[in-house]
Protein backbone atom coordinates (compact mmCIF):
# COMPACT_ATOMS: atom_id res chain seq x y z
CA MET A 1 112.06 99.77 104.81
CA ARG A 2 112.68 103.14 103.02
CA ILE A 3 114.30 106.06 104.72
CA VAL A 4 111.74 108.74 104.21
CA ALA A 5 108.97 109.25 106.74
CA ARG A 6 108.17 105.53 106.56
CA ARG A 7 109.82 102.37 107.49
CA ILE A 8 114.08 100.46 107.74
CA VAL A 9 113.70 100.10 103.52
CA CYS A 10 114.15 100.51 107.47
CA ALA A 11 115.49 103.73 107.40
CA ALA A 12 116.78 106.83 108.84
CA LEU A 13 114.78 109.98 109.12
CA GLY A 14 116.66 113.03 110.10
CA ALA A 15 116.71 112.03 113.67
CA ALA A 16 117.61 109.20 115.91
CA LEU A 17 116.82 105.63 115.24
CA VAL A 18 115.58 103.78 118.24
CA GLY A 19 115.32 100.16 117.34
CA ILE A 20 113.35 97.13 117.93
CA ILE A 21 111.39 97.54 121.09
CA GLY A 22 107.95 96.68 122.41
CA CYS A 23 105.47 99.47 122.21
CA GLY A 24 103.15 98.27 124.92
CA LYS A 25 103.77 99.30 128.51
CA SER A 26 103.58 95.82 130.03
CA LYS A 27 106.94 94.17 130.47
CA ASP A 28 108.42 90.87 131.55
CA ASN A 29 110.81 90.73 134.51
CA GLY A 30 111.87 87.12 134.07
CA PRO A 31 115.32 85.88 133.06
CA ALA A 32 116.83 87.15 129.80
CA VAL A 33 115.81 85.09 126.78
CA ALA A 34 118.34 86.41 124.26
CA THR A 35 121.17 88.87 123.62
CA PRO A 36 120.32 91.37 120.83
CA SER A 37 122.75 93.16 118.53
CA LEU A 38 122.51 95.31 115.42
CA THR A 39 125.04 95.89 112.61
CA LEU A 40 124.70 98.79 110.17
CA SER A 41 126.06 98.86 106.63
CA LYS A 42 127.24 102.44 107.29
CA ASP A 43 127.26 104.81 110.24
CA ARG A 44 126.65 108.06 108.30
CA VAL A 45 123.26 108.13 106.60
CA PRO A 46 121.87 111.08 104.57
CA ILE A 47 118.20 111.85 105.14
CA GLY A 48 116.14 110.10 102.49
CA SER A 49 118.74 107.39 101.85
CA VAL A 50 118.86 103.74 102.82
CA VAL A 51 120.93 101.72 105.26
CA ASN A 52 120.97 97.95 105.66
CA LEU A 53 120.44 96.85 109.26
CA THR A 54 121.37 93.31 110.27
CA TYR A 55 119.51 92.15 113.36
CA LYS A 56 120.88 89.36 115.50
CA PHE A 57 119.47 87.62 118.57
CA GLN A 58 121.65 85.10 120.39
CA VAL A 59 119.06 82.89 122.10
CA ASP A 60 119.83 82.03 125.73
CA PRO A 61 120.55 78.31 126.40
CA ASN A 62 117.56 78.13 128.77
CA ALA A 63 115.14 80.26 126.74
CA HIS A 64 111.62 79.15 125.91
CA PHE A 65 109.03 81.13 123.91
CA ASP A 66 105.38 80.31 124.51
CA LYS A 67 104.10 82.59 121.73
CA SER A 68 105.25 84.52 118.65
CA TYR A 69 106.72 87.82 119.82
CA TRP A 70 107.20 90.79 117.49
CA VAL A 71 110.21 93.00 116.97
CA PHE A 72 109.83 96.69 116.35
CA MET A 73 111.88 99.75 115.55
CA HIS A 74 111.38 103.28 116.90
CA VAL A 75 113.03 106.32 115.35
CA LEU A 76 113.65 109.23 117.74
CA ASP A 77 115.19 112.62 117.29
CA SER A 78 118.13 113.84 119.35
CA GLU A 79 115.75 114.99 122.08
CA GLY A 80 114.11 111.60 122.36
CA GLU A 81 110.94 112.46 120.45
CA GLN A 82 109.54 109.56 118.45
CA MET A 83 109.52 110.11 114.67
CA TRP A 84 108.22 106.77 113.36
CA THR A 85 108.03 103.05 114.11
CA ASP A 86 108.71 99.82 112.24
CA ASP A 87 106.90 96.90 113.86
CA HIS A 88 107.67 93.58 112.21
CA GLU A 89 107.47 89.87 112.81
CA PRO A 90 110.92 88.27 112.57
CA PRO A 91 111.36 85.95 109.56
CA THR A 92 111.71 83.03 111.98
CA PRO A 93 108.85 83.19 114.55
CA THR A 94 110.07 83.24 118.15
CA THR A 95 108.14 80.00 118.78
CA ALA A 96 110.69 78.34 116.48
CA TRP A 97 113.74 79.87 118.20
CA GLN A 98 115.83 77.15 119.83
CA PRO A 99 118.06 77.49 122.94
CA GLY A 100 121.56 78.53 121.90
CA GLN A 101 120.46 79.39 118.34
CA THR A 102 121.51 82.58 116.55
CA ILE A 103 118.68 84.38 114.74
CA GLN A 104 119.99 86.84 112.16
CA TYR A 105 118.39 88.77 109.30
CA THR A 106 118.78 92.05 107.41
CA ARG A 107 116.25 94.79 106.74
CA THR A 108 116.75 97.92 104.70
CA VAL A 109 115.39 101.43 106.66
CA GLY A 110 121.78 112.91 113.24
CA GLU A 111 123.14 110.83 115.75
CA ALA A 112 120.81 107.90 115.92
CA THR A 113 120.50 105.39 118.71
CA ALA A 114 119.17 101.92 117.98
CA ARG A 115 117.41 99.96 120.72
CA LEU A 116 116.17 96.40 120.35
CA GLY A 117 113.58 94.34 122.16
CA LEU A 118 110.87 91.71 121.89
CA TYR A 119 107.20 92.13 122.75
CA ASP A 120 103.90 90.28 122.62
CA ARG A 121 101.68 92.04 120.10
CA ASP A 122 98.45 91.32 122.01
CA SER A 123 99.40 92.20 125.59
CA GLY A 124 102.39 94.49 124.98
CA GLN A 125 104.48 92.33 127.32
CA ARG A 126 108.21 92.85 126.83
CA LEU A 127 110.81 90.16 127.38
CA THR A 128 114.04 90.55 129.31
CA LEU A 129 117.19 90.49 127.16
CA ASN A 130 120.89 90.69 127.94
CA GLY A 131 122.41 94.11 127.26
CA GLN A 132 122.36 97.81 128.17
CA ASP A 133 118.78 98.46 129.25
CA ALA A 134 117.78 102.05 128.53
CA GLY A 135 114.62 101.50 130.55
CA ARG A 136 111.35 99.68 129.90
CA HIS A 137 113.28 96.73 128.42
CA GLU A 138 114.69 98.80 125.52
CA TYR A 139 118.27 97.66 124.84
CA VAL A 140 120.86 100.01 123.28
CA VAL A 141 122.73 98.20 120.48
CA ALA A 142 124.08 100.77 117.98
CA LYS A 143 124.48 104.43 117.00
CA PHE A 144 124.92 106.18 113.67
CA GLN A 145 124.89 109.71 112.29
CA VAL A 146 122.21 111.15 110.02
CA LEU A 147 123.56 113.60 107.43
CA PRO A 148 121.81 116.42 105.51
CA SER A 149 119.77 115.29 102.51
CA SER A 150 122.05 117.41 100.31
CA GLU A 151 124.52 114.51 100.50
CA ASN A 152 122.13 112.51 98.28
CA VAL A 153 121.92 112.41 94.50
CA ALA A 154 118.61 114.16 93.68
CA LEU A 155 116.31 112.09 91.47
CA LEU A 156 113.85 114.08 89.33
CA ASN A 157 110.77 112.38 87.93
CA LYS A 158 110.37 113.47 84.33
CA GLY A 159 107.93 112.04 81.78
CA GLY A 160 105.62 109.06 82.19
CA TRP A 161 104.55 109.58 85.81
CA HIS A 162 100.99 110.03 87.06
CA PRO A 163 100.37 112.61 89.84
CA ALA A 164 101.43 111.71 93.37
CA GLU A 165 98.81 110.12 95.64
CA VAL A 166 98.54 109.84 99.43
CA ASP A 167 96.89 107.21 101.59
CA PRO A 168 94.11 109.13 103.43
CA LYS A 169 94.50 106.79 106.43
CA ASN A 170 98.27 107.25 106.54
CA PRO A 171 99.43 110.61 105.10
CA GLY A 172 103.05 109.49 105.34
CA ASN A 173 102.38 106.80 102.75
CA GLU A 174 102.82 108.34 99.28
CA TRP A 175 103.28 106.88 95.81
CA GLN A 176 103.19 107.55 92.09
CA TRP A 177 102.03 105.22 89.36
CA THR A 178 104.14 104.88 86.26
CA GLY A 179 102.70 104.75 82.79
CA LYS A 180 104.09 102.30 80.26
CA GLU A 181 107.43 104.09 80.50
CA ALA A 182 108.56 106.51 83.22
CA THR A 183 111.84 108.39 83.31
CA ILE A 184 114.05 109.71 86.11
CA GLU A 185 116.94 112.14 85.64
CA PHE A 186 119.86 112.77 87.99
CA ARG A 187 123.30 114.32 88.08
CA ASN A 188 125.94 111.84 86.94
CA PRO A 189 127.95 110.82 90.02
CA LYS A 190 130.52 109.15 87.71
CA LYS A 191 130.87 106.35 90.25
CA ASP A 192 129.32 102.93 90.68
CA ALA A 193 125.96 103.03 92.47
CA VAL A 194 123.00 100.95 93.58
CA PHE A 195 119.46 101.92 92.54
CA TYR A 196 116.77 101.19 95.15
CA LEU A 197 113.16 100.88 93.98
CA GLU A 198 110.27 100.29 96.38
CA TYR A 199 107.18 99.29 94.42
CA ASP A 200 104.10 97.11 94.21
CA ALA A 201 101.86 96.07 91.32
CA ARG A 202 98.40 94.82 90.44
CA SER A 203 99.59 91.31 89.71
CA ASP A 204 95.95 90.18 89.84
CA GLN A 205 95.46 91.98 86.52
CA PHE A 206 98.09 89.99 84.63
CA THR A 207 98.95 86.37 83.88
CA PRO A 208 101.89 86.11 83.77
CA PRO A 209 102.91 89.25 85.72
CA GLN A 210 104.08 92.37 83.94
CA GLN A 211 107.75 92.45 83.08
CA VAL A 212 109.64 95.52 84.23
CA THR A 213 112.82 96.73 82.55
CA VAL A 214 115.11 99.28 84.19
CA SER A 215 117.36 101.03 81.67
CA VAL A 216 120.13 103.59 82.09
CA GLU A 217 120.94 105.82 79.13
CA GLY A 218 118.87 103.46 76.95
CA LYS A 219 120.74 100.33 78.07
CA PRO A 220 118.79 97.70 80.08
CA VAL A 221 120.48 97.07 83.44
CA ALA A 222 117.80 94.93 85.12
CA GLN A 223 114.53 93.09 84.49
CA PHE A 224 112.06 91.58 86.94
CA PRO A 225 108.44 90.33 87.08
CA ALA A 226 106.05 92.77 88.78
CA ASP A 227 104.63 90.14 91.12
CA ALA A 228 104.63 92.06 94.43
CA ARG A 229 101.16 92.82 95.82
CA ASN A 230 102.67 94.70 98.79
CA ALA A 231 105.41 97.33 98.91
CA THR A 232 108.65 95.52 98.05
CA LEU A 233 112.22 96.78 97.77
CA LYS A 234 114.34 95.88 94.74
CA THR A 235 118.01 96.79 94.33
CA PHE A 236 120.00 97.02 91.11
CA PRO A 237 123.72 97.74 90.68
CA ILE A 238 124.57 100.46 88.14
CA THR A 239 128.18 100.94 87.07
CA ALA A 240 129.88 104.21 86.22
CA ALA A 241 130.27 102.83 82.69
CA ASP A 242 126.47 102.33 82.46
CA MET A 243 125.97 106.03 83.22
CA GLY A 244 128.51 107.25 80.65
CA ASN A 245 130.25 110.62 80.67
CA SER A 246 127.38 113.09 80.26
CA GLU A 247 126.56 115.45 83.13
CA THR A 248 123.03 114.08 83.56
CA VAL A 249 121.76 110.51 83.42
CA THR A 250 118.35 109.25 82.31
CA LEU A 251 116.94 106.14 84.00
CA THR A 252 113.82 104.52 82.56
CA ILE A 253 111.32 102.19 84.22
CA ALA A 254 109.26 100.43 81.54
CA VAL A 255 106.54 97.77 81.72
CA ASP A 256 105.50 95.47 78.90
CA ARG A 257 101.77 95.93 79.67
CA THR A 258 99.56 98.48 81.42
CA PHE A 259 96.01 98.35 82.79
CA LYS A 260 93.10 100.74 83.34
CA PRO A 261 91.62 100.88 86.87
CA GLY A 262 88.08 101.32 85.55
CA GLY A 263 85.24 103.13 87.30
CA GLY A 264 85.74 106.18 85.12
CA ASP A 265 89.50 106.19 85.65
CA ALA A 266 91.01 106.05 82.18
CA ARG A 267 94.66 106.15 83.25
CA GLU A 268 97.09 103.62 81.79
CA LEU A 269 98.97 102.29 84.83
CA GLY A 270 102.19 100.35 85.08
CA ILE A 271 103.61 99.81 88.58
CA ARG A 272 103.21 101.83 91.77
CA VAL A 273 106.44 103.40 93.06
CA TYR A 274 106.74 104.42 96.70
CA HIS A 275 110.37 105.42 96.75
CA ALA A 276 113.43 105.52 94.51
CA PHE A 277 116.98 106.25 95.65
CA LEU A 278 120.47 106.12 94.18
CA ASP A 279 123.21 105.06 96.62
CA VAL A 280 126.62 106.09 95.27
CA ARG A 281 129.45 103.79 96.28
């Protein structure tokens, strides 16, 4: 989930993160089926950055799931106003959860409060869990602090980028296509970092898929096949040595092949980038 006005590359949006809860109003008053918990990779998160959230459900010994329930995440500001949501189906469907089993997985998304829950997507029914119920079967599991975006390393798109586009059905969903080679510049943090890239590609246009090379100061630091048809997060470690000693650093995203959309659109397109972020360690 990325941490801009979208989902936990999950995410933190200058507000409060409310976690995985059912959005329907119907709720279940039966016995608790699991105990939820949430672990964050850090408790201070600049706006626009990423944080890894590890979700865990300890299934009750007597639990039984008659259908596949969904998990979802709500982000609220400090006054309790909802900023965005992150509905998702857990990697292991609840119908496969066994009594006594631990279900755990990680997703990537100013004081923020995380609440977890389980709900039926069709009816909105919420299940009872063990924990601090904030009301309506929303269980408080964690808090963290959102920091000003000035704490981030600013990434500036330079050459090789096509103009930004917006999904007319979801204005919060923005992207830019690369050309054959697109560059990003940023101030050298002179520390090790991790580069996050959320992208997708027209893999239907290529056999085999395009090959993407990420380079820093002209040196390749990562390669991967552009085989994601839906927005997918990739992470790449970048060392201080990779970035050198200059005050600014140039990062390049290059593809081995481009395509033209057709229909009068003559652009040469590489991959579609939704979000890029540098997390300094």
